[in-house]
Amino acid sequence: MLHVTCDLCGKKLRPGEDQRYVVKMEAYPVDDPAQITDDDLDLDHMEAISQMLQECEDNETDLELVEPYKSFRYDLCSQCHEKFVRDPMARDKEPKFQFSKN
């Protein structure tokens, strides 16, 4: 038997009894190409590539790899789904502060 819980509130969702929603999201970088000029066409691109490769070899340990594509999948109960549809980015969520009792 498949056991599913809401990824936001933790409610157990029973197959066939509780409505369950699946939310899928993708995050990826966007490369907006710049406009090509005549100066760009006059550049020696082979030299620029050679220099970039040399810099990568020299700084091999300093390379920071960024994951280019990430997908997310969440199971939501009907109440959390309603909240998500109203405010997908949770912009209206009030910050909760925990102050110590001094």
C-alpha atoms as a PDB file:
ATOM      1  CA  MET A   1       0.000   0.000   0.000  1.00  0.00           C
ATOM      2  CA  LEU A   2       1.244   3.449  -0.945  1.00  0.00           C
ATOM      3  CA  HIS A   3       1.683   5.886   1.974  1.00  0.00           C
ATOM      4  CA  VAL A   4       1.548   9.570   1.037  1.00  0.00           C
ATOM      5  CA  THR A   5       1.712  12.646   3.232  1.00  0.00           C
ATOM      6  CA  CYS A   6       1.204  16.298   2.377  1.00  0.00           C
ATOM      7  CA  ASP A   7       4.613  17.892   1.874  1.00  0.00           C
ATOM      8  CA  LEU A   8       3.444  21.139   3.515  1.00  0.00           C
ATOM      9  CA  CYS A   9       1.355  20.195   6.548  1.00  0.00           C
ATOM     10  CA  GLY A  10       2.312  16.521   6.979  1.00  0.00           C
ATOM     11  CA  LYS A  11      -1.267  15.210   6.846  1.00  0.00           C
ATOM     12  CA  LYS A  12      -1.515  11.533   5.880  1.00  0.00           C
ATOM     13  CA  LEU A  13      -3.365  11.166   2.581  1.00  0.00           C
ATOM     14  CA  ARG A  14      -5.338   7.958   2.144  1.00  0.00           C
ATOM     15  CA  PRO A  15      -5.614   6.722  -1.461  1.00  0.00           C
ATOM     16  CA  GLY A  16      -9.223   6.740  -2.618  1.00  0.00           C
ATOM     17  CA  GLU A  17     -10.406   8.771   0.388  1.00  0.00           C
ATOM     18  CA  ASP A  18      -8.432  12.034   0.406  1.00  0.00           C
ATOM     19  CA  GLN A  19      -7.983  14.333  -2.566  1.00  0.00           C
ATOM     20  CA  ARG A  20      -4.287  14.633  -3.425  1.00  0.00           C
ATOM     21  CA  TYR A  21      -2.641  17.174  -5.697  1.00  0.00           C
ATOM     22  CA  VAL A  22       0.798  17.002  -7.295  1.00  0.00           C
ATOM     23  CA  VAL A  23       2.769  20.212  -7.837  1.00  0.00           C
ATOM     24  CA  LYS A  24       5.756  20.124 -10.189  1.00  0.00           C
ATOM     25  CA  MET A  25       8.226  22.988 -10.559  1.00  0.00           C
ATOM     26  CA  GLU A  26      11.330  23.539 -12.641  1.00  0.00           C
ATOM     27  CA  ALA A  27      14.224  25.920 -12.067  1.00  0.00           C
ATOM     28  CA  TYR A  28      16.830  26.575 -14.730  1.00  0.00           C
ATOM     29  CA  PRO A  29      19.078  29.412 -15.850  1.00  0.00           C
ATOM     30  CA  VAL A  30      18.038  31.537 -18.797  1.00  0.00           C
ATOM     31  CA  ASP A  31      20.652  32.764 -21.214  1.00  0.00           C
ATOM     32  CA  ASP A  32      19.384  35.825 -22.982  1.00  0.00           C
ATOM     33  CA  PRO A  33      21.733  36.322 -25.949  1.00  0.00           C
ATOM     34  CA  ALA A  34      23.160  39.778 -26.387  1.00  0.00           C
ATOM     35  CA  GLN A  35      22.957  41.534 -29.711  1.00  0.00           C
ATOM     36  CA  ILE A  36      25.928  40.679 -31.951  1.00  0.00           C
ATOM     37  CA  THR A  37      27.907  43.650 -33.243  1.00  0.00           C
ATOM     38  CA  ASP A  38      30.578  43.978 -35.933  1.00  0.00           C
ATOM     39  CA  ASP A  39      33.204  44.183 -33.162  1.00  0.00           C
ATOM     40  CA  ASP A  40      32.121  40.754 -31.906  1.00  0.00           C
ATOM     41  CA  LEU A  41      32.680  39.289 -35.347  1.00  0.00           C
ATOM     42  CA  ASP A  42      36.193  40.782 -35.554  1.00  0.00           C
ATOM     43  CA  LEU A  43      37.351  39.202 -32.265  1.00  0.00           C
ATOM     44  CA  ASP A  44      39.661  36.167 -32.230  1.00  0.00           C
ATOM     45  CA  HIS A  45      37.366  33.709 -30.465  1.00  0.00           C
ATOM     46  CA  MET A  46      39.897  30.857 -30.602  1.00  0.00           C
ATOM     47  CA  GLU A  47      42.310  32.919 -28.533  1.00  0.00           C
ATOM     48  CA  ALA A  48      39.579  33.784 -26.022  1.00  0.00           C
ATOM     49  CA  ILE A  49      38.588  30.108 -25.681  1.00  0.00           C
ATOM     50  CA  SER A  50      42.217  29.069 -25.253  1.00  0.00           C
ATOM     51  CA  GLN A  51      42.650  31.647 -22.500  1.00  0.00           C
ATOM     52  CA  MET A  52      39.457  30.496 -20.715  1.00  0.00           C
ATOM     53  CA  LEU A  53      40.588  26.857 -20.833  1.00  0.00           C
ATOM     54  CA  GLN A  54      43.997  27.809 -19.434  1.00  0.00           C
ATOM     55  CA  GLU A  55      42.345  29.726 -16.581  1.00  0.00           C
ATOM     56  CA  CYS A  56      40.138  26.695 -15.810  1.00  0.00           C
ATOM     57  CA  GLU A  57      43.191  24.437 -15.648  1.00  0.00           C
ATOM     58  CA  ASP A  58      45.054  26.896 -13.411  1.00  0.00           C
ATOM     59  CA  ASN A  59      42.116  27.287 -11.014  1.00  0.00           C
ATOM     60  CA  GLU A  60      40.784  23.725 -11.094  1.00  0.00           C
ATOM     61  CA  THR A  61      39.972  23.628  -7.375  1.00  0.00           C
ATOM     62  CA  ASP A  62      38.213  27.007  -7.491  1.00  0.00           C
ATOM     63  CA  LEU A  63      35.556  25.896  -9.960  1.00  0.00           C
ATOM     64  CA  GLU A  64      32.072  26.240  -8.569  1.00  0.00           C
ATOM     65  CA  LEU A  65      29.610  24.089 -10.465  1.00  0.00           C
ATOM     66  CA  VAL A  66      26.034  25.284 -10.556  1.00  0.00           C
ATOM     67  CA  GLU A  67      23.324  22.749 -11.172  1.00  0.00           C
ATOM     68  CA  PRO A  68      21.794  24.033 -14.413  1.00  0.00           C
ATOM     69  CA  TYR A  69      18.405  22.352 -14.088  1.00  0.00           C
ATOM     70  CA  LYS A  70      16.413  21.282 -11.071  1.00  0.00           C
ATOM     71  CA  SER A  71      12.910  19.869 -10.879  1.00  0.00           C
ATOM     72  CA  PHE A  72      10.743  19.544  -7.801  1.00  0.00           C
ATOM     73  CA  ARG A  73       7.652  17.409  -7.087  1.00  0.00           C
ATOM     74  CA  TYR A  74       5.347  17.865  -4.101  1.00  0.00           C
ATOM     75  CA  ASP A  75       2.201  16.082  -2.898  1.00  0.00           C
ATOM     76  CA  LEU A  76      -0.373  18.418  -1.359  1.00  0.00           C
ATOM     77  CA  CYS A  77      -3.657  17.892   0.475  1.00  0.00           C
ATOM     78  CA  SER A  78      -6.674  19.885  -0.743  1.00  0.00           C
ATOM     79  CA  GLN A  79      -6.273  22.640   1.891  1.00  0.00           C
ATOM     80  CA  CYS A  80      -2.563  23.177   1.131  1.00  0.00           C
ATOM     81  CA  HIS A  81      -3.320  23.051  -2.602  1.00  0.00           C
ATOM     82  CA  GLU A  82      -5.845  25.882  -2.195  1.00  0.00           C
ATOM     83  CA  LYS A  83      -3.250  27.956  -0.310  1.00  0.00           C
ATOM     84  CA  PHE A  84      -0.621  27.219  -2.943  1.00  0.00           C
ATOM     85  CA  VAL A  85      -2.889  28.204  -5.842  1.00  0.00           C
ATOM     86  CA  ARG A  86      -3.768  31.506  -4.129  1.00  0.00           C
ATOM     87  CA  ASP A  87      -0.133  32.395  -3.366  1.00  0.00           C
ATOM     88  CA  PRO A  88       2.389  30.075  -5.120  1.00  0.00           C
ATOM     89  CA  MET A  89       5.426  32.104  -4.046  1.00  0.00           C
ATOM     90  CA  ALA A  90       4.171  32.485  -0.431  1.00  0.00           C
ATOM     91  CA  ARG A  91       4.552  36.260  -0.641  1.00  0.00           C
ATOM     92  CA  ASP A  92       1.661  36.908   1.729  1.00  0.00           C
ATOM     93  CA  LYS A  93       3.014  34.584   4.399  1.00  0.00           C
ATOM     94  CA  GLU A  94       3.700  36.489   7.575  1.00  0.00           C
ATOM     95  CA  PRO A  95       7.129  36.006   9.115  1.00  0.00           C
ATOM     96  CA  LYS A  96       7.000  34.140  12.409  1.00  0.00           C
ATOM     97  CA  PHE A  97       9.380  35.383  15.060  1.00  0.00           C
ATOM     98  CA  GLN A  98      10.300  33.395  18.145  1.00  0.00           C
ATOM     99  CA  PHE A  99      11.393  35.781  20.904  1.00  0.00           C
ATOM    100  CA  SER A 100      12.917  34.462  24.085  1.00  0.00           C
ATOM    101  CA  LYS A 101      11.336  35.359  27.436  1.00  0.00           C
ATOM    102  CA  ASN A 102      13.879  37.554  29.204  1.00  0.00           C
END
